[in-house]
């Protein structure tokens, strides 16, 4: 039997309600029922902290970025602030 693919939070790896990001459909947090945001670099995130964590994890692996980087690049930070401005 083939296991159905499910959406996963890119920050904390929690299973979400919905299909994987690449299928282009929304995902929802199973605990709150709220629709999950999409990270600047793609993939679903279930919270503010997961959004920042996912972006930092990826940016730390990019050429020209420091592996100890603790702040987001300007474009990623603008996207983060735009999405979470209501809740900051």
N, C-alpha and C. Protein backbone atom coordinates (compact mmCIF):
# COMPACT_ATOMS: atom_id res chain seq x y z
N UNK A 1 0.85 -1.18 0.00
CA UNK A 1 0.00 0.00 0.00
C UNK A 1 0.89 1.24 0.00
N UNK A 2 0.56 2.23 -0.82
CA UNK A 2 1.33 3.46 -0.92
C UNK A 2 0.84 4.44 0.14
N UNK A 3 1.80 4.97 0.92
CA UNK A 3 1.46 5.93 1.95
C UNK A 3 1.20 7.29 1.30
N UNK A 4 0.12 7.95 1.70
CA UNK A 4 -0.22 9.26 1.15
C UNK A 4 0.77 10.30 1.66
N UNK A 5 1.27 11.12 0.74
CA UNK A 5 2.17 12.20 1.12
C UNK A 5 1.38 13.29 1.82
N UNK A 6 1.98 13.86 2.86
CA UNK A 6 1.33 14.96 3.57
C UNK A 6 2.27 16.16 3.63
N UNK A 7 1.68 17.31 3.86
CA UNK A 7 2.46 18.54 4.01
C UNK A 7 3.24 18.48 5.32
N UNK A 8 4.40 19.13 5.31
CA UNK A 8 5.27 19.16 6.48
C UNK A 8 5.77 20.58 6.68
N UNK A 9 5.83 21.03 7.94
CA UNK A 9 6.37 22.35 8.25
C UNK A 9 7.88 22.33 7.98
N UNK A 10 8.35 23.31 7.25
CA UNK A 10 9.77 23.37 6.92
C UNK A 10 10.63 23.76 8.12
N UNK A 11 10.04 24.37 9.13
CA UNK A 11 10.80 24.79 10.31
C UNK A 11 10.93 23.72 11.38
N UNK A 12 9.81 23.09 11.74
CA UNK A 12 9.84 22.12 12.85
C UNK A 12 9.56 20.69 12.39
N UNK A 13 9.28 20.50 11.12
CA UNK A 13 9.03 19.18 10.52
C UNK A 13 7.73 18.52 10.99
N UNK A 14 6.84 19.32 11.58
CA UNK A 14 5.54 18.80 12.03
C UNK A 14 4.69 18.45 10.81
N UNK A 15 3.97 17.34 10.89
CA UNK A 15 3.04 16.98 9.82
C UNK A 15 1.85 17.92 9.86
N UNK A 16 1.49 18.41 8.70
CA UNK A 16 0.38 19.34 8.57
C UNK A 16 -0.77 18.65 7.88
N UNK A 17 -1.94 19.27 7.90
CA UNK A 17 -3.10 18.74 7.20
C UNK A 17 -3.06 19.30 5.78
N UNK A 18 -2.94 18.44 4.80
CA UNK A 18 -2.89 18.87 3.42
C UNK A 18 -1.82 18.12 2.64
N UNK A 19 -1.69 18.49 1.39
CA UNK A 19 -0.73 17.85 0.51
C UNK A 19 0.60 18.61 0.52
N UNK A 20 1.68 17.95 0.05
CA UNK A 20 2.98 18.61 0.04
C UNK A 20 2.97 19.93 -0.74
N UNK A 21 3.90 20.80 -0.41
CA UNK A 21 4.00 22.14 -1.00
C UNK A 21 4.05 22.09 -2.53
N UNK A 22 4.80 21.15 -3.09
CA UNK A 22 4.98 21.10 -4.53
C UNK A 22 3.68 20.83 -5.30
N UNK A 23 2.65 20.40 -4.63
CA UNK A 23 1.37 20.15 -5.30
C UNK A 23 0.53 21.41 -5.46
N UNK A 24 0.95 22.51 -4.81
CA UNK A 24 0.30 23.80 -5.01
C UNK A 24 -1.00 24.04 -4.29
N UNK A 25 -1.30 23.22 -3.31
CA UNK A 25 -2.53 23.39 -2.54
C UNK A 25 -2.18 23.86 -1.14
N UNK A 26 -3.14 24.46 -0.42
CA UNK A 26 -2.83 24.95 0.93
C UNK A 26 -2.67 23.82 1.93
N UNK A 27 -2.02 24.16 3.04
CA UNK A 27 -1.88 23.23 4.16
C UNK A 27 -2.37 23.94 5.42
N UNK A 28 -2.78 23.16 6.40
CA UNK A 28 -3.35 23.71 7.63
C UNK A 28 -2.68 23.08 8.84
N UNK A 29 -2.53 23.87 9.89
CA UNK A 29 -1.97 23.37 11.13
C UNK A 29 -3.04 22.48 11.77
N UNK A 30 -2.72 21.23 12.07
CA UNK A 30 -3.73 20.32 12.63
C UNK A 30 -4.19 20.72 14.04
N UNK A 31 -3.37 21.46 14.76
CA UNK A 31 -3.72 21.85 16.12
C UNK A 31 -4.63 23.07 16.16
N UNK A 32 -4.36 24.06 15.30
CA UNK A 32 -5.14 25.31 15.33
C UNK A 32 -6.17 25.39 14.21
N UNK A 33 -5.98 24.61 13.15
CA UNK A 33 -6.88 24.67 12.01
C UNK A 33 -6.59 25.83 11.08
N UNK A 34 -5.58 26.66 11.41
CA UNK A 34 -5.25 27.82 10.60
C UNK A 34 -4.43 27.43 9.37
N UNK A 35 -4.63 28.20 8.31
CA UNK A 35 -3.88 27.98 7.09
C UNK A 35 -2.41 28.35 7.31
N UNK A 36 -1.51 27.52 6.84
CA UNK A 36 -0.08 27.75 7.03
C UNK A 36 0.44 28.74 5.99
N UNK A 37 1.38 29.56 6.41
CA UNK A 37 2.06 30.48 5.50
C UNK A 37 3.09 29.72 4.70
N UNK A 38 3.58 30.37 3.65
CA UNK A 38 4.63 29.81 2.82
C UNK A 38 5.91 30.57 3.11
N UNK A 39 7.00 29.85 3.29
CA UNK A 39 8.31 30.44 3.55
C UNK A 39 8.81 31.17 2.31
N UNK A 40 9.65 32.17 2.51
CA UNK A 40 10.25 32.96 1.43
C UNK A 40 10.93 32.05 0.40
N UNK A 41 11.55 30.98 0.85
CA UNK A 41 12.26 30.08 -0.04
C UNK A 41 11.42 28.87 -0.46
N UNK A 42 10.14 28.86 -0.12
CA UNK A 42 9.24 27.77 -0.48
C UNK A 42 9.00 26.84 0.69
N UNK A 43 7.93 26.11 0.63
CA UNK A 43 7.58 25.19 1.70
C UNK A 43 6.66 25.86 2.72
N UNK A 44 5.91 25.03 3.43
CA UNK A 44 4.97 25.53 4.43
C UNK A 44 5.66 25.73 5.77
N UNK A 45 5.18 26.73 6.52
CA UNK A 45 5.64 26.96 7.90
C UNK A 45 4.41 27.15 8.77
N UNK A 46 4.45 26.61 9.98
CA UNK A 46 3.28 26.65 10.85
C UNK A 46 3.29 27.82 11.82
N UNK A 47 4.41 28.55 11.93
CA UNK A 47 4.48 29.65 12.88
C UNK A 47 5.56 30.65 12.48
N UNK A 48 5.57 31.77 13.17
CA UNK A 48 6.59 32.80 12.97
C UNK A 48 7.98 32.25 13.19
N UNK A 49 8.16 31.56 14.29
CA UNK A 49 9.49 31.03 14.61
C UNK A 49 9.95 29.99 13.58
N UNK A 50 9.03 29.19 13.08
CA UNK A 50 9.39 28.21 12.06
C UNK A 50 9.75 28.90 10.74
N UNK A 51 9.07 29.99 10.44
CA UNK A 51 9.36 30.73 9.22
C UNK A 51 10.80 31.25 9.26
N UNK A 52 11.16 31.88 10.37
CA UNK A 52 12.51 32.43 10.52
C UNK A 52 13.55 31.31 10.54
N UNK A 53 13.28 30.26 11.28
CA UNK A 53 14.20 29.12 11.38
C UNK A 53 14.47 28.50 10.01
N UNK A 54 13.41 28.29 9.23
CA UNK A 54 13.57 27.67 7.91
C UNK A 54 14.41 28.54 6.98
N UNK A 55 14.16 29.85 7.00
CA UNK A 55 14.93 30.76 6.15
C UNK A 55 16.40 30.80 6.57
N UNK A 56 16.65 30.89 7.87
CA UNK A 56 18.03 30.92 8.36
C UNK A 56 18.77 29.63 8.03
N UNK A 57 18.12 28.49 8.21
CA UNK A 57 18.76 27.21 7.90
C UNK A 57 19.22 27.17 6.45
N UNK A 58 18.37 27.63 5.55
CA UNK A 58 18.72 27.62 4.14
C UNK A 58 19.79 28.66 3.82
N UNK A 59 19.63 29.87 4.33
CA UNK A 59 20.59 30.94 4.03
C UNK A 59 21.99 30.58 4.53
N UNK A 60 22.09 29.88 5.63
CA UNK A 60 23.41 29.50 6.16
C UNK A 60 24.15 28.55 5.23
N UNK A 61 23.44 27.90 4.32
CA UNK A 61 24.09 26.98 3.38
C UNK A 61 24.39 27.64 2.04
N UNK A 62 23.97 28.88 1.85
CA UNK A 62 24.16 29.57 0.58
C UNK A 62 25.56 30.18 0.49
N UNK A 63 26.13 30.17 -0.72
CA UNK A 63 27.42 30.83 -0.91
C UNK A 63 27.31 32.31 -0.54
N UNK A 64 28.33 32.83 0.14
CA UNK A 64 28.34 34.23 0.54
C UNK A 64 27.67 34.50 1.87
N UNK A 65 27.07 33.48 2.46
CA UNK A 65 26.43 33.64 3.77
C UNK A 65 27.28 32.91 4.81
N UNK A 66 27.26 33.43 6.02
CA UNK A 66 28.01 32.85 7.12
C UNK A 66 27.23 31.70 7.74
N UNK A 67 27.89 30.59 8.04
CA UNK A 67 27.18 29.46 8.65
C UNK A 67 26.71 29.77 10.07
N UNK A 68 27.21 30.86 10.65
CA UNK A 68 26.76 31.29 11.99
C UNK A 68 25.82 32.49 11.91
N UNK A 69 25.35 32.79 10.73
CA UNK A 69 24.44 33.92 10.51
C UNK A 69 23.24 33.83 11.45
N UNK A 70 22.86 34.97 12.06
CA UNK A 70 21.71 34.94 12.97
C UNK A 70 20.62 35.93 12.59
N UNK A 71 20.79 36.62 11.45
CA UNK A 71 19.73 37.50 10.94
C UNK A 71 19.46 37.14 9.49
N UNK A 72 18.25 37.39 9.05
CA UNK A 72 17.86 37.09 7.69
C UNK A 72 18.41 38.13 6.71
N UNK A 73 18.57 37.73 5.45
CA UNK A 73 18.95 38.67 4.41
C UNK A 73 17.82 39.68 4.24
N UNK A 74 18.11 40.82 3.62
CA UNK A 74 17.10 41.87 3.47
C UNK A 74 15.82 41.38 2.77
N UNK A 75 15.92 40.69 1.63
CA UNK A 75 14.67 40.25 0.98
C UNK A 75 13.86 39.28 1.84
N UNK A 76 14.53 38.35 2.49
CA UNK A 76 13.82 37.39 3.35
C UNK A 76 13.21 38.10 4.56
N UNK A 77 13.92 39.08 5.12
CA UNK A 77 13.40 39.82 6.28
C UNK A 77 12.18 40.66 5.89
N UNK A 78 12.21 41.28 4.71
CA UNK A 78 11.05 42.05 4.26
C UNK A 78 9.84 41.14 4.10
N UNK A 79 10.03 39.98 3.52
CA UNK A 79 8.94 39.02 3.35
C UNK A 79 8.41 38.57 4.71
N UNK A 80 9.31 38.26 5.62
CA UNK A 80 8.95 37.83 6.98
C UNK A 80 8.11 38.92 7.67
N UNK A 81 8.59 40.15 7.62
CA UNK A 81 7.87 41.26 8.27
C UNK A 81 6.51 41.50 7.62
N UNK A 82 6.42 41.37 6.32
CA UNK A 82 5.16 41.57 5.62
C UNK A 82 4.13 40.53 6.07
N UNK A 83 4.55 39.29 6.16
CA UNK A 83 3.63 38.20 6.53
C UNK A 83 3.20 38.26 7.99
N UNK A 84 4.13 38.57 8.87
CA UNK A 84 3.86 38.46 10.29
C UNK A 84 3.64 39.80 10.98
N UNK A 85 3.55 40.89 10.23
CA UNK A 85 3.39 42.23 10.79
C UNK A 85 2.21 42.32 11.75
N UNK A 86 1.11 41.68 11.42
CA UNK A 86 -0.09 41.74 12.27
C UNK A 86 0.15 41.09 13.63
N UNK A 87 1.07 40.13 13.67
CA UNK A 87 1.25 39.33 14.89
C UNK A 87 2.53 39.67 15.64
N UNK A 88 3.33 40.60 15.13
CA UNK A 88 4.61 40.93 15.79
C UNK A 88 4.36 41.81 16.99
